[in-house]
Amino acid sequence: MTPRYRQIGSMFFVMFVIVVTFSMPNASALTPEHQEILDISAKCKQDVRSNDELTFAQKAVNVKACALEARLSAQALLVPTPSSAVQILQHQVRDCEAKYPIYKMIGEIGFLSLERSTPARHCTIMYELDEWKIQDSSRMNALVDGLSDALQEELDKDIQLRKDIVHNALEKYHSQH
């Protein structure tokens, strides 16, 4: 193959890569809801930074509050598809069933010390559910629903705790100044 043909071949390959790259949908493109959250957060931060009545420290705290609210709003949009969430939980139920004899033998503290993972914590939650005692064909669905509800309850508590911490810190800061 002559150098000229190699050059033409290389040029066609580069063009092919460019066409394929730009014809693919952008997986990281923001949804309108995400963009709106980012816009609101940016406006909030801009308003705080341009407020001359606030000290530098007050601006820093309030900008953090803007970012936290945006992050919480964005997290609320990140809901997995029901089928993928169910598949993940079904897999976790099967893993927990396999690990249950170890849990019974060494107890919760020993189990969590041995496993040291979030799925292990989920197993201990599941072992305490009333649904764990079910032995018929509805067991898998009951465990998936029960674990899902328990995890959602923990997530809701965690989100509320984080909000309370930030709001308490803001109140404490504002009362000192």
C-alpha atoms as a PDB file:
ATOM      1  CA  MET A   1       0.000   0.000   0.000  1.00  0.00           C
ATOM      2  CA  THR A   2       1.419   3.346  -1.006  1.00  0.00           C
ATOM      3  CA  PRO A   3       1.718   6.227   1.455  1.00  0.00           C
ATOM      4  CA  ARG A   4      -0.959   8.151  -0.460  1.00  0.00           C
ATOM      5  CA  TYR A   5      -3.539   5.357  -0.024  1.00  0.00           C
ATOM      6  CA  ARG A   6      -2.626   5.063   3.663  1.00  0.00           C
ATOM      7  CA  GLN A   7      -3.208   8.779   4.082  1.00  0.00           C
ATOM      8  CA  ILE A   8      -6.614   8.575   2.346  1.00  0.00           C
ATOM      9  CA  GLY A   9      -7.532   5.533   4.442  1.00  0.00           C
ATOM     10  CA  SER A  10      -6.542   7.332   7.630  1.00  0.00           C
ATOM     11  CA  MET A  11      -8.587  10.353   6.586  1.00  0.00           C
ATOM     12  CA  PHE A  12     -11.676   8.170   5.974  1.00  0.00           C
ATOM     13  CA  PHE A  13     -11.186   6.486   9.352  1.00  0.00           C
ATOM     14  CA  VAL A  14     -10.988   9.865  11.122  1.00  0.00           C
ATOM     15  CA  MET A  15     -14.125  11.051   9.311  1.00  0.00           C
ATOM     16  CA  PHE A  16     -15.910   7.819  10.264  1.00  0.00           C
ATOM     17  CA  VAL A  17     -15.013   8.292  13.948  1.00  0.00           C
ATOM     18  CA  ILE A  18     -16.195  11.924  13.856  1.00  0.00           C
ATOM     19  CA  VAL A  19     -19.502  11.030  12.193  1.00  0.00           C
ATOM     20  CA  VAL A  20     -20.163   8.167  14.615  1.00  0.00           C
ATOM     21  CA  THR A  21     -19.222  10.284  17.643  1.00  0.00           C
ATOM     22  CA  PHE A  22     -21.467  13.189  16.746  1.00  0.00           C
ATOM     23  CA  SER A  23     -24.389  10.994  15.702  1.00  0.00           C
ATOM     24  CA  MET A  24     -24.573   9.266  19.095  1.00  0.00           C
ATOM     25  CA  PRO A  25     -27.004  10.712  21.613  1.00  0.00           C
ATOM     26  CA  ASN A  26     -25.379  12.510  24.502  1.00  0.00           C
ATOM     27  CA  ALA A  27     -25.899  10.249  27.514  1.00  0.00           C
ATOM     28  CA  SER A  28     -24.826  12.995  29.895  1.00  0.00           C
ATOM     29  CA  ALA A  29     -27.270  15.541  28.510  1.00  0.00           C
ATOM     30  CA  LEU A  30     -29.316  17.208  31.211  1.00  0.00           C
ATOM     31  CA  THR A  31     -33.038  16.785  31.414  1.00  0.00           C
ATOM     32  CA  PRO A  32     -35.074  19.998  31.562  1.00  0.00           C
ATOM     33  CA  GLU A  33     -35.727  19.303  35.253  1.00  0.00           C
ATOM     34  CA  HIS A  34     -31.988  18.979  36.005  1.00  0.00           C
ATOM     35  CA  GLN A  35     -31.233  22.116  34.037  1.00  0.00           C
ATOM     36  CA  GLU A  36     -33.911  24.031  35.950  1.00  0.00           C
ATOM     37  CA  ILE A  37     -32.370  22.896  39.257  1.00  0.00           C
ATOM     38  CA  LEU A  38     -28.925  24.029  38.101  1.00  0.00           C
ATOM     39  CA  ASP A  39     -30.326  27.376  36.955  1.00  0.00           C
ATOM     40  CA  ILE A  40     -32.113  27.961  40.277  1.00  0.00           C
ATOM     41  CA  SER A  41     -28.962  26.996  42.186  1.00  0.00           C
ATOM     42  CA  ALA A  42     -26.807  29.330  40.092  1.00  0.00           C
ATOM     43  CA  LYS A  43     -29.281  32.199  40.613  1.00  0.00           C
ATOM     44  CA  CYS A  44     -29.387  31.513  44.356  1.00  0.00           C
ATOM     45  CA  LYS A  45     -25.580  31.550  44.565  1.00  0.00           C
ATOM     46  CA  GLN A  46     -25.366  34.704  42.449  1.00  0.00           C
ATOM     47  CA  ASP A  47     -27.938  36.480  44.640  1.00  0.00           C
ATOM     48  CA  VAL A  48     -26.060  35.494  47.800  1.00  0.00           C
ATOM     49  CA  ARG A  49     -22.665  36.568  46.430  1.00  0.00           C
ATOM     50  CA  SER A  50     -23.998  39.913  45.229  1.00  0.00           C
ATOM     51  CA  ASN A  51     -25.677  40.734  48.575  1.00  0.00           C
ATOM     52  CA  ASP A  52     -23.400  43.397  50.084  1.00  0.00           C
ATOM     53  CA  GLU A  53     -25.164  43.203  53.460  1.00  0.00           C
ATOM     54  CA  LEU A  54     -23.729  39.729  54.111  1.00  0.00           C
ATOM     55  CA  THR A  55     -20.252  39.075  55.459  1.00  0.00           C
ATOM     56  CA  PHE A  56     -17.885  36.746  53.621  1.00  0.00           C
ATOM     57  CA  ALA A  57     -18.666  33.937  56.098  1.00  0.00           C
ATOM     58  CA  GLN A  58     -22.420  34.456  55.754  1.00  0.00           C
ATOM     59  CA  LYS A  59     -22.075  34.318  51.981  1.00  0.00           C
ATOM     60  CA  ALA A  60     -20.095  31.067  52.205  1.00  0.00           C
ATOM     61  CA  VAL A  61     -22.711  29.454  54.459  1.00  0.00           C
ATOM     62  CA  ASN A  62     -25.627  30.595  52.287  1.00  0.00           C
ATOM     63  CA  VAL A  63     -23.913  29.469  49.063  1.00  0.00           C
ATOM     64  CA  LYS A  64     -23.483  26.029  50.680  1.00  0.00           C
ATOM     65  CA  ALA A  65     -27.207  26.040  51.502  1.00  0.00           C
ATOM     66  CA  CYS A  66     -28.001  26.797  47.833  1.00  0.00           C
ATOM     67  CA  ALA A  67     -25.818  23.876  46.749  1.00  0.00           C
ATOM     68  CA  LEU A  68     -27.407  21.521  49.298  1.00  0.00           C
ATOM     69  CA  GLU A  69     -30.930  22.346  48.173  1.00  0.00           C
ATOM     70  CA  ALA A  70     -29.904  21.790  44.545  1.00  0.00           C
ATOM     71  CA  ARG A  71     -28.282  18.469  45.388  1.00  0.00           C
ATOM     72  CA  LEU A  72     -31.355  17.282  47.292  1.00  0.00           C
ATOM     73  CA  SER A  73     -33.623  18.328  44.422  1.00  0.00           C
ATOM     74  CA  ALA A  74     -31.415  16.526  41.896  1.00  0.00           C
ATOM     75  CA  GLN A  75     -31.371  13.376  44.061  1.00  0.00           C
ATOM     76  CA  ALA A  76     -35.148  13.386  44.122  1.00  0.00           C
ATOM     77  CA  LEU A  77     -35.098  13.125  40.314  1.00  0.00           C
ATOM     78  CA  LEU A  78     -32.763  10.105  40.346  1.00  0.00           C
ATOM     79  CA  VAL A  79     -35.317   7.356  40.659  1.00  0.00           C
ATOM     80  CA  PRO A  80     -34.269   4.065  39.058  1.00  0.00           C
ATOM     81  CA  THR A  81     -36.689   2.313  36.778  1.00  0.00           C
ATOM     82  CA  PRO A  82     -38.932  -0.040  38.732  1.00  0.00           C
ATOM     83  CA  SER A  83     -37.721  -3.107  36.869  1.00  0.00           C
ATOM     84  CA  SER A  84     -34.020  -2.368  37.471  1.00  0.00           C
ATOM     85  CA  ALA A  85     -34.651  -1.578  41.138  1.00  0.00           C
ATOM     86  CA  VAL A  86     -36.624  -4.798  41.584  1.00  0.00           C
ATOM     87  CA  GLN A  87     -33.892  -6.842  39.884  1.00  0.00           C
ATOM     88  CA  ILE A  88     -31.246  -5.329  42.157  1.00  0.00           C
ATOM     89  CA  LEU A  89     -33.331  -6.023  45.242  1.00  0.00           C
ATOM     90  CA  GLN A  90     -34.125  -9.587  44.112  1.00  0.00           C
ATOM     91  CA  HIS A  91     -30.407 -10.236  43.703  1.00  0.00           C
ATOM     92  CA  GLN A  92     -29.815  -8.774  47.157  1.00  0.00           C
ATOM     93  CA  VAL A  93     -32.551 -10.981  48.664  1.00  0.00           C
ATOM     94  CA  ARG A  94     -30.860 -14.072  47.199  1.00  0.00           C
ATOM     95  CA  ASP A  95     -27.477 -12.955  48.581  1.00  0.00           C
ATOM     96  CA  CYS A  96     -29.002 -12.344  51.999  1.00  0.00           C
ATOM     97  CA  GLU A  97     -30.685 -15.757  51.969  1.00  0.00           C
ATOM     98  CA  ALA A  98     -27.306 -17.365  51.278  1.00  0.00           C
ATOM     99  CA  LYS A  99     -25.652 -15.423  54.128  1.00  0.00           C
ATOM    100  CA  TYR A 100     -28.428 -15.995  56.674  1.00  0.00           C
ATOM    101  CA  PRO A 101     -26.834 -19.114  58.260  1.00  0.00           C
ATOM    102  CA  ILE A 102     -23.677 -17.085  58.971  1.00  0.00           C
ATOM    103  CA  TYR A 103     -25.795 -14.300  60.479  1.00  0.00           C
ATOM    104  CA  LYS A 104     -27.640 -16.782  62.726  1.00  0.00           C
ATOM    105  CA  MET A 105     -24.364 -18.318  63.843  1.00  0.00           C
ATOM    106  CA  ILE A 106     -22.388 -15.151  64.690  1.00  0.00           C
ATOM    107  CA  GLY A 107     -25.127 -12.557  65.300  1.00  0.00           C
ATOM    108  CA  GLU A 108     -25.674  -9.082  63.889  1.00  0.00           C
ATOM    109  CA  ILE A 109     -22.537  -7.409  65.271  1.00  0.00           C
ATOM    110  CA  GLY A 110     -20.279 -10.268  64.179  1.00  0.00           C
ATOM    111  CA  PHE A 111     -21.990 -10.408  60.789  1.00  0.00           C
ATOM    112  CA  LEU A 112     -21.557  -6.670  60.178  1.00  0.00           C
ATOM    113  CA  SER A 113     -17.933  -6.858  61.370  1.00  0.00           C
ATOM    114  CA  LEU A 114     -17.280  -9.734  58.978  1.00  0.00           C
ATOM    115  CA  GLU A 115     -19.076  -8.340  55.950  1.00  0.00           C
ATOM    116  CA  ARG A 116     -18.487  -4.556  56.360  1.00  0.00           C
ATOM    117  CA  SER A 117     -20.663  -3.503  53.452  1.00  0.00           C
ATOM    118  CA  THR A 118     -23.887  -1.700  52.688  1.00  0.00           C
ATOM    119  CA  PRO A 119     -25.507  -4.879  51.306  1.00  0.00           C
ATOM    120  CA  ALA A 120     -24.687  -6.623  54.606  1.00  0.00           C
ATOM    121  CA  ARG A 121     -26.465  -3.819  56.455  1.00  0.00           C
ATOM    122  CA  HIS A 122     -29.406  -4.290  54.101  1.00  0.00           C
ATOM    123  CA  CYS A 123     -29.402  -7.994  54.964  1.00  0.00           C
ATOM    124  CA  THR A 124     -29.630  -7.228  58.688  1.00  0.00           C
ATOM    125  CA  ILE A 125     -32.565  -4.923  57.971  1.00  0.00           C
ATOM    126  CA  MET A 126     -34.237  -7.660  55.934  1.00  0.00           C
ATOM    127  CA  TYR A 127     -33.662 -10.336  58.603  1.00  0.00           C
ATOM    128  CA  GLU A 128     -35.701  -8.213  61.026  1.00  0.00           C
ATOM    129  CA  LEU A 129     -38.663  -7.774  58.663  1.00  0.00           C
ATOM    130  CA  ASP A 130     -41.859  -9.750  59.254  1.00  0.00           C
ATOM    131  CA  GLU A 131     -41.658 -10.689  55.563  1.00  0.00           C
ATOM    132  CA  TRP A 132     -38.503 -12.732  56.276  1.00  0.00           C
ATOM    133  CA  LYS A 133     -40.667 -15.404  57.925  1.00  0.00           C
ATOM    134  CA  ILE A 134     -42.801 -15.929  54.815  1.00  0.00           C
ATOM    135  CA  GLN A 135     -42.174 -19.366  53.279  1.00  0.00           C
ATOM    136  CA  ASP A 136     -44.542 -19.468  50.292  1.00  0.00           C
ATOM    137  CA  SER A 137     -44.330 -18.254  46.686  1.00  0.00           C
ATOM    138  CA  SER A 138     -44.996 -14.645  47.716  1.00  0.00           C
ATOM    139  CA  ARG A 139     -41.728 -14.515  49.726  1.00  0.00           C
ATOM    140  CA  MET A 140     -39.537 -12.862  47.073  1.00  0.00           C
ATOM    141  CA  ASN A 141     -42.046 -10.104  46.255  1.00  0.00           C
ATOM    142  CA  ALA A 142     -42.782  -9.523  49.937  1.00  0.00           C
ATOM    143  CA  LEU A 143     -39.059  -9.259  50.769  1.00  0.00           C
ATOM    144  CA  VAL A 144     -38.397  -6.941  47.836  1.00  0.00           C
ATOM    145  CA  ASP A 145     -41.282  -4.697  48.885  1.00  0.00           C
ATOM    146  CA  GLY A 146     -40.323  -4.832  52.548  1.00  0.00           C
ATOM    147  CA  LEU A 147     -36.650  -4.044  51.907  1.00  0.00           C
ATOM    148  CA  SER A 148     -37.570  -1.307  49.467  1.00  0.00           C
ATOM    149  CA  ASP A 149     -39.883   0.294  52.038  1.00  0.00           C
ATOM    150  CA  ALA A 150     -37.297  -0.015  54.820  1.00  0.00           C
ATOM    151  CA  LEU A 151     -34.543   1.504  52.664  1.00  0.00           C
ATOM    152  CA  GLN A 152     -36.819   4.342  51.553  1.00  0.00           C
ATOM    153  CA  GLU A 153     -37.663   5.029  55.195  1.00  0.00           C
ATOM    154  CA  GLU A 154     -33.939   5.168  56.080  1.00  0.00           C
ATOM    155  CA  LEU A 155     -33.252   7.425  53.096  1.00  0.00           C
ATOM    156  CA  ASP A 156     -36.066   9.776  54.097  1.00  0.00           C
ATOM    157  CA  LYS A 157     -34.707   9.935  57.659  1.00  0.00           C
ATOM    158  CA  ASP A 158     -31.189  10.611  56.354  1.00  0.00           C
ATOM    159  CA  ILE A 159     -32.358  13.401  54.046  1.00  0.00           C
ATOM    160  CA  GLN A 160     -34.337  15.003  56.864  1.00  0.00           C
ATOM    161  CA  LEU A 161     -31.360  14.701  59.222  1.00  0.00           C
ATOM    162  CA  ARG A 162     -29.084  16.407  56.685  1.00  0.00           C
ATOM    163  CA  LYS A 163     -31.601  19.211  56.175  1.00  0.00           C
ATOM    164  CA  ASP A 164     -31.978  19.656  59.939  1.00  0.00           C
ATOM    165  CA  ILE A 165     -28.201  19.807  60.435  1.00  0.00           C
ATOM    166  CA  VAL A 166     -27.785  22.481  57.768  1.00  0.00           C
ATOM    167  CA  HIS A 167     -30.742  24.524  58.999  1.00  0.00           C
ATOM    168  CA  ASN A 168     -29.564  24.267  62.632  1.00  0.00           C
ATOM    169  CA  ALA A 169     -26.075  25.343  61.603  1.00  0.00           C
ATOM    170  CA  LEU A 170     -27.523  28.293  59.687  1.00  0.00           C
ATOM    171  CA  GLU A 171     -29.705  29.309  62.631  1.00  0.00           C
ATOM    172  CA  LYS A 172     -26.759  29.013  65.025  1.00  0.00           C
ATOM    173  CA  TYR A 173     -24.575  31.035  62.708  1.00  0.00           C
ATOM    174  CA  HIS A 174     -27.199  33.762  62.227  1.00  0.00           C
ATOM    175  CA  SER A 175     -27.908  33.980  65.970  1.00  0.00           C
ATOM    176  CA  GLN A 176     -24.193  34.538  66.655  1.00  0.00           C
ATOM    177  CA  HIS A 177     -23.918  37.379  64.171  1.00  0.00           C
END
